[in-house]
Amino acid sequence: MAAKVEKNKCIGCGACVSTCPNGALSIKDGKCDVDDGNCISCGSCTAVCPCQAIKLPK
């Protein structure tokens, strides 16, 4: 399962986008957007998000 973004926490900084090894993240409408088909749930994005807006499924 893909990472999920809490849109109310995301500030759209793009740190996650540049960290994603699979290119599954982008910024749309000022917030992080996850391409579920490309996300491999590696956790790279959660580690760099300054707002803790990205969560991995449990």
C-alpha atoms as a PDB file:
ATOM      1  CA  MET A   1       0.000   0.000   0.000  1.00  0.00           C
ATOM      2  CA  ALA A   2       1.108   3.516  -0.798  1.00  0.00           C
ATOM      3  CA  ALA A   3       2.020   6.342   1.555  1.00  0.00           C
ATOM      4  CA  LYS A   4      -0.793   8.681   2.563  1.00  0.00           C
ATOM      5  CA  VAL A   5      -0.542  12.457   2.904  1.00  0.00           C
ATOM      6  CA  GLU A   6      -2.383  14.421   5.540  1.00  0.00           C
ATOM      7  CA  LYS A   7      -3.140  17.426   3.324  1.00  0.00           C
ATOM      8  CA  ASN A   8      -3.941  19.682   6.282  1.00  0.00           C
ATOM      9  CA  LYS A   9      -0.365  19.212   7.566  1.00  0.00           C
ATOM     10  CA  CYS A  10       1.502  19.397   4.240  1.00  0.00           C
ATOM     11  CA  ILE A  11       3.153  22.749   3.448  1.00  0.00           C
ATOM     12  CA  GLY A  12       4.176  21.773  -0.087  1.00  0.00           C
ATOM     13  CA  CYS A  13       7.908  22.206   0.512  1.00  0.00           C
ATOM     14  CA  GLY A  14       8.861  19.431  -1.945  1.00  0.00           C
ATOM     15  CA  ALA A  15      11.417  17.712   0.278  1.00  0.00           C
ATOM     16  CA  CYS A  16       9.606  14.415  -0.214  1.00  0.00           C
ATOM     17  CA  VAL A  17       9.522  14.786  -3.993  1.00  0.00           C
ATOM     18  CA  SER A  18      13.288  15.068  -4.317  1.00  0.00           C
ATOM     19  CA  THR A  19      13.827  12.156  -1.930  1.00  0.00           C
ATOM     20  CA  CYS A  20      11.496   9.589  -3.486  1.00  0.00           C
ATOM     21  CA  PRO A  21      13.599   6.949  -5.287  1.00  0.00           C
ATOM     22  CA  ASN A  22      10.673   5.866  -7.457  1.00  0.00           C
ATOM     23  CA  GLY A  23       9.323   9.250  -8.546  1.00  0.00           C
ATOM     24  CA  ALA A  24       5.963   8.565  -6.907  1.00  0.00           C
ATOM     25  CA  LEU A  25       5.566  12.012  -5.357  1.00  0.00           C
ATOM     26  CA  SER A  26       4.745  15.388  -6.857  1.00  0.00           C
ATOM     27  CA  ILE A  27       3.370  18.715  -5.729  1.00  0.00           C
ATOM     28  CA  LYS A  28      -0.176  19.425  -6.931  1.00  0.00           C
ATOM     29  CA  ASP A  29      -2.207  22.417  -5.820  1.00  0.00           C
ATOM     30  CA  GLY A  30       0.515  23.251  -3.309  1.00  0.00           C
ATOM     31  CA  LYS A  31       0.412  19.885  -1.547  1.00  0.00           C
ATOM     32  CA  CYS A  32       2.202  16.541  -1.849  1.00  0.00           C
ATOM     33  CA  ASP A  33       0.458  14.023  -4.090  1.00  0.00           C
ATOM     34  CA  VAL A  34       1.254  10.291  -4.132  1.00  0.00           C
ATOM     35  CA  ASP A  35       1.057   8.144  -7.261  1.00  0.00           C
ATOM     36  CA  ASP A  36      -0.171   4.934  -5.637  1.00  0.00           C
ATOM     37  CA  GLY A  37       1.036   2.853  -8.570  1.00  0.00           C
ATOM     38  CA  ASN A  38       4.656   3.978  -8.178  1.00  0.00           C
ATOM     39  CA  CYS A  39       4.935   4.185  -4.381  1.00  0.00           C
ATOM     40  CA  ILE A  40       6.928   1.293  -2.916  1.00  0.00           C
ATOM     41  CA  SER A  41       6.329   2.317   0.738  1.00  0.00           C
ATOM     42  CA  CYS A  42      10.067   2.655   1.383  1.00  0.00           C
ATOM     43  CA  GLY A  43       9.689   5.446   3.946  1.00  0.00           C
ATOM     44  CA  SER A  44      12.113   7.916   2.361  1.00  0.00           C
ATOM     45  CA  CYS A  45       9.451  10.598   2.236  1.00  0.00           C
ATOM     46  CA  THR A  46       8.351  10.143   5.829  1.00  0.00           C
ATOM     47  CA  ALA A  47      11.927  10.558   7.010  1.00  0.00           C
ATOM     48  CA  VAL A  48      12.378  13.983   5.377  1.00  0.00           C
ATOM     49  CA  CYS A  49       8.946  15.529   5.823  1.00  0.00           C
ATOM     50  CA  PRO A  50       9.378  18.461   8.226  1.00  0.00           C
ATOM     51  CA  CYS A  51       5.652  18.451   9.049  1.00  0.00           C
ATOM     52  CA  GLN A  52       5.207  14.716   9.530  1.00  0.00           C
ATOM     53  CA  ALA A  53       2.412  14.897   6.980  1.00  0.00           C
ATOM     54  CA  ILE A  54       3.213  11.586   5.266  1.00  0.00           C
ATOM     55  CA  LYS A  55       2.341   8.252   6.821  1.00  0.00           C
ATOM     56  CA  LEU A  56       2.995   4.702   5.700  1.00  0.00           C
ATOM     57  CA  PRO A  57       0.259   2.089   5.971  1.00  0.00           C
ATOM     58  CA  LYS A  58       0.512  -0.245   8.918  1.00  0.00           C
END
